Amino acid sequence: VIELRGHVSAAEAFEKADRGMRLSFERSAAVAETLVAEGIPWSQLRIIACGDADRITERAYDKVAQRTNQRVEIVVTDAVAGESAGD
């Protein structure tokens, strides 16, 4: 299973946590759609919206620093598609 973990900067999520979660989900989904277009089955993908909870740059005061937190991490796990977490 490939996890696609979407992140946003604090500026993007400022005062509206739901906006940050939605945007981080949309980022992950965009990467997922690209991977599917390249032949990876949806069943092997797990989309995760992290919002602004896991920042690379804790205090980003300018747009360049904020960009480090606006990302999608691609994590290849040992999980096999079709297995539930308890299997």
N, C-alpha and C. Protein backbone atom coordinates (compact mmCIF):
# COMPACT_ATOMS: atom_id res chain seq x y z
N VAL A 1 0.85 -1.17 0.00
CA VAL A 1 0.00 0.00 0.00
C VAL A 1 0.89 1.24 0.00
N ILE A 2 0.52 2.19 -0.81
CA ILE A 2 1.24 3.46 -0.88
C ILE A 2 0.38 4.52 -0.21
N GLU A 3 0.92 5.14 0.84
CA GLU A 3 0.22 6.21 1.53
C GLU A 3 0.60 7.55 0.91
N LEU A 4 -0.40 8.37 0.66
CA LEU A 4 -0.20 9.71 0.13
C LEU A 4 -0.67 10.67 1.21
N ARG A 5 0.28 11.29 1.90
CA ARG A 5 -0.02 12.14 3.05
C ARG A 5 0.04 13.61 2.66
N GLY A 6 -1.12 14.23 2.55
CA GLY A 6 -1.20 15.63 2.15
C GLY A 6 -1.01 16.56 3.34
N HIS A 7 -0.28 17.64 3.11
CA HIS A 7 0.00 18.64 4.15
C HIS A 7 -0.26 20.03 3.61
N VAL A 8 -0.56 20.96 4.50
CA VAL A 8 -0.71 22.37 4.16
C VAL A 8 0.11 23.20 5.13
N SER A 9 0.36 24.44 4.74
CA SER A 9 1.04 25.37 5.64
C SER A 9 0.03 25.93 6.63
N ALA A 10 0.52 26.47 7.73
CA ALA A 10 -0.35 27.10 8.72
C ALA A 10 -1.12 28.27 8.09
N ALA A 11 -0.48 28.98 7.17
CA ALA A 11 -1.14 30.11 6.50
C ALA A 11 -2.36 29.63 5.70
N GLU A 12 -2.26 28.46 5.07
CA GLU A 12 -3.37 27.94 4.29
C GLU A 12 -4.53 27.49 5.18
N ALA A 13 -4.24 27.05 6.37
CA ALA A 13 -5.25 26.54 7.28
C ALA A 13 -5.68 27.57 8.33
N PHE A 14 -5.11 28.75 8.27
CA PHE A 14 -5.33 29.78 9.29
C PHE A 14 -6.82 30.02 9.53
N GLU A 15 -7.22 29.87 10.77
CA GLU A 15 -8.57 30.13 11.28
C GLU A 15 -9.65 29.18 10.75
N LYS A 16 -9.32 28.29 9.84
CA LYS A 16 -10.33 27.36 9.32
C LYS A 16 -9.70 25.98 9.14
N ALA A 17 -9.75 25.18 10.20
CA ALA A 17 -9.13 23.85 10.15
C ALA A 17 -9.73 22.99 9.04
N ASP A 18 -11.04 23.12 8.81
CA ASP A 18 -11.66 22.30 7.76
C ASP A 18 -11.10 22.64 6.38
N ARG A 19 -10.73 23.90 6.16
CA ARG A 19 -10.14 24.29 4.87
C ARG A 19 -8.78 23.61 4.70
N GLY A 20 -7.98 23.59 5.77
CA GLY A 20 -6.67 22.94 5.71
C GLY A 20 -6.79 21.44 5.47
N MET A 21 -7.75 20.80 6.13
CA MET A 21 -7.93 19.36 5.93
C MET A 21 -8.42 19.08 4.51
N ARG A 22 -9.34 19.89 4.02
CA ARG A 22 -9.85 19.70 2.67
C ARG A 22 -8.73 19.88 1.64
N LEU A 23 -7.93 20.92 1.79
CA LEU A 23 -6.84 21.18 0.85
C LEU A 23 -5.79 20.07 0.91
N SER A 24 -5.47 19.59 2.12
CA SER A 24 -4.48 18.52 2.21
C SER A 24 -5.01 17.23 1.58
N PHE A 25 -6.32 16.98 1.71
CA PHE A 25 -6.93 15.83 1.04
C PHE A 25 -6.86 16.00 -0.48
N GLU A 26 -7.20 17.20 -0.95
CA GLU A 26 -7.18 17.45 -2.40
C GLU A 26 -5.77 17.28 -2.98
N ARG A 27 -4.76 17.69 -2.22
CA ARG A 27 -3.37 17.50 -2.68
C ARG A 27 -3.06 16.01 -2.82
N SER A 28 -3.42 15.25 -1.80
CA SER A 28 -3.18 13.80 -1.85
C SER A 28 -3.94 13.15 -2.99
N ALA A 29 -5.19 13.56 -3.18
CA ALA A 29 -6.02 13.00 -4.24
C ALA A 29 -5.45 13.32 -5.63
N ALA A 30 -4.89 14.50 -5.80
CA ALA A 30 -4.29 14.87 -7.10
C ALA A 30 -3.10 13.97 -7.41
N VAL A 31 -2.29 13.68 -6.40
CA VAL A 31 -1.16 12.77 -6.61
C VAL A 31 -1.67 11.37 -6.90
N ALA A 32 -2.70 10.95 -6.17
CA ALA A 32 -3.28 9.63 -6.41
C ALA A 32 -3.78 9.49 -7.84
N GLU A 33 -4.46 10.50 -8.34
CA GLU A 33 -4.97 10.46 -9.71
C GLU A 33 -3.84 10.35 -10.72
N THR A 34 -2.74 11.03 -10.45
CA THR A 34 -1.57 10.93 -11.34
C THR A 34 -1.00 9.52 -11.32
N LEU A 35 -0.88 8.93 -10.13
CA LEU A 35 -0.34 7.57 -10.02
C LEU A 35 -1.25 6.57 -10.72
N VAL A 36 -2.56 6.74 -10.57
CA VAL A 36 -3.51 5.85 -11.25
C VAL A 36 -3.38 5.99 -12.76
N ALA A 37 -3.20 7.21 -13.24
CA ALA A 37 -3.02 7.42 -14.67
C ALA A 37 -1.75 6.74 -15.18
N GLU A 38 -0.79 6.55 -14.29
CA GLU A 38 0.47 5.87 -14.65
C GLU A 38 0.39 4.36 -14.44
N GLY A 39 -0.80 3.85 -14.01
CA GLY A 39 -0.99 2.41 -13.93
C GLY A 39 -1.05 1.79 -12.55
N ILE A 40 -0.96 2.58 -11.51
CA ILE A 40 -1.06 2.02 -10.15
C ILE A 40 -2.54 1.92 -9.78
N PRO A 41 -3.00 0.75 -9.34
CA PRO A 41 -4.43 0.57 -9.01
C PRO A 41 -4.83 1.38 -7.77
N TRP A 42 -6.06 1.89 -7.79
CA TRP A 42 -6.59 2.62 -6.62
C TRP A 42 -6.49 1.77 -5.36
N SER A 43 -6.66 0.47 -5.49
CA SER A 43 -6.66 -0.41 -4.32
C SER A 43 -5.32 -0.42 -3.59
N GLN A 44 -4.27 0.07 -4.23
CA GLN A 44 -2.95 0.12 -3.60
C GLN A 44 -2.66 1.48 -2.97
N LEU A 45 -3.60 2.40 -3.07
CA LEU A 45 -3.36 3.76 -2.58
C LEU A 45 -4.19 4.05 -1.33
N ARG A 46 -3.61 4.79 -0.42
CA ARG A 46 -4.30 5.24 0.79
C ARG A 46 -4.07 6.74 0.90
N ILE A 47 -5.15 7.51 0.82
CA ILE A 47 -5.07 8.97 0.89
C ILE A 47 -5.25 9.40 2.34
N ILE A 48 -4.33 10.24 2.82
CA ILE A 48 -4.37 10.72 4.20
C ILE A 48 -4.26 12.24 4.20
N ALA A 49 -5.21 12.90 4.85
CA ALA A 49 -5.17 14.36 4.99
C ALA A 49 -4.60 14.69 6.37
N CYS A 50 -3.43 15.33 6.39
CA CYS A 50 -2.77 15.67 7.65
C CYS A 50 -2.99 17.11 8.08
N GLY A 51 -3.55 17.94 7.21
CA GLY A 51 -3.72 19.35 7.54
C GLY A 51 -2.37 20.01 7.76
N ASP A 52 -2.28 20.85 8.79
CA ASP A 52 -1.00 21.51 9.09
C ASP A 52 -0.37 20.96 10.36
N ALA A 53 -0.70 19.72 10.72
CA ALA A 53 -0.26 19.14 11.98
C ALA A 53 1.20 18.67 11.99
N ASP A 54 1.78 18.42 10.84
CA ASP A 54 3.13 17.84 10.78
C ASP A 54 4.01 18.73 9.91
N ARG A 55 4.44 19.83 10.48
CA ARG A 55 5.20 20.83 9.72
C ARG A 55 6.69 20.49 9.65
N ILE A 56 7.29 20.76 8.51
CA ILE A 56 8.74 20.66 8.37
C ILE A 56 9.37 21.93 8.94
N THR A 57 8.80 23.08 8.58
CA THR A 57 9.25 24.37 9.10
C THR A 57 8.21 24.83 10.11
N GLU A 58 8.55 24.77 11.40
CA GLU A 58 7.60 25.07 12.46
C GLU A 58 7.08 26.50 12.39
N ARG A 59 7.98 27.46 12.25
CA ARG A 59 7.60 28.87 12.19
C ARG A 59 8.00 29.43 10.82
N ALA A 60 7.05 29.47 9.94
CA ALA A 60 7.30 29.94 8.58
C ALA A 60 6.77 31.37 8.46
N TYR A 61 7.68 32.31 8.27
CA TYR A 61 7.29 33.72 8.24
C TYR A 61 7.17 34.31 6.84
N ASP A 62 7.56 33.58 5.84
CA ASP A 62 7.44 34.08 4.47
C ASP A 62 6.95 32.95 3.56
N LYS A 63 6.62 33.30 2.33
CA LYS A 63 6.05 32.33 1.40
C LYS A 63 7.01 31.19 1.07
N VAL A 64 8.29 31.50 1.00
CA VAL A 64 9.28 30.45 0.70
C VAL A 64 9.30 29.41 1.82
N ALA A 65 9.32 29.85 3.05
CA ALA A 65 9.33 28.92 4.19
C ALA A 65 8.01 28.16 4.29
N GLN A 66 6.90 28.82 3.97
CA GLN A 66 5.60 28.15 4.02
C GLN A 66 5.51 27.03 3.00
N ARG A 67 6.16 27.18 1.86
CA ARG A 67 6.11 26.17 0.79
C ARG A 67 6.63 24.81 1.27
N THR A 68 7.56 24.79 2.22
CA THR A 68 8.09 23.50 2.70
C THR A 68 7.00 22.68 3.38
N ASN A 69 5.97 23.34 3.89
CA ASN A 69 4.88 22.63 4.56
C ASN A 69 3.74 22.30 3.61
N GLN A 70 3.78 22.79 2.40
CA GLN A 70 2.75 22.55 1.39
C GLN A 70 3.25 21.41 0.50
N ARG A 71 2.88 20.18 0.88
CA ARG A 71 3.49 19.03 0.21
C ARG A 71 2.62 17.78 0.31
N VAL A 72 3.01 16.77 -0.45
CA VAL A 72 2.45 15.42 -0.31
C VAL A 72 3.63 14.49 -0.11
N GLU A 73 3.59 13.73 0.96
CA GLU A 73 4.61 12.71 1.21
C GLU A 73 4.10 11.39 0.65
N ILE A 74 4.97 10.68 -0.04
CA ILE A 74 4.63 9.36 -0.57
C ILE A 74 5.38 8.34 0.25
N VAL A 75 4.62 7.48 0.94
CA VAL A 75 5.21 6.49 1.84
C VAL A 75 4.79 5.10 1.39
N VAL A 76 5.76 4.29 1.02
CA VAL A 76 5.49 2.91 0.63
C VAL A 76 5.52 2.07 1.90
N THR A 77 4.40 1.41 2.22
CA THR A 77 4.28 0.63 3.44
C THR A 77 4.49 -0.85 3.16
N ASP A 78 4.54 -1.64 4.22
CA ASP A 78 4.64 -3.09 4.10
C ASP A 78 3.26 -3.75 3.98
N ALA A 79 2.21 -2.94 4.14
CA ALA A 79 0.86 -3.47 4.06
C ALA A 79 0.57 -3.95 2.64
N VAL A 80 -0.25 -4.98 2.54
CA VAL A 80 -0.64 -5.52 1.24
C VAL A 80 -2.06 -5.05 0.96
N ALA A 81 -2.30 -4.57 -0.25
CA ALA A 81 -3.64 -4.11 -0.63
C ALA A 81 -4.66 -5.19 -0.37
N GLY A 82 -5.78 -4.81 0.22
CA GLY A 82 -6.84 -5.77 0.51
C GLY A 82 -6.82 -6.28 1.94
N GLU A 83 -5.72 -6.08 2.66
CA GLU A 83 -5.66 -6.49 4.07
C GLU A 83 -6.26 -5.39 4.92
N SER A 84 -6.98 -5.78 5.96
CA SER A 84 -7.45 -4.78 6.92
C SER A 84 -6.37 -4.59 7.96
N ALA A 85 -6.47 -3.53 8.75
CA ALA A 85 -5.43 -3.20 9.72
C ALA A 85 -5.23 -4.31 10.74
N GLY A 86 -6.24 -5.11 11.01
CA GLY A 86 -6.13 -6.16 12.01
C GLY A 86 -5.61 -7.48 11.47
N ASP A 87 -5.44 -7.60 10.17
CA ASP A 87 -5.00 -8.88 9.57
C ASP A 87 -3.53 -9.14 9.80
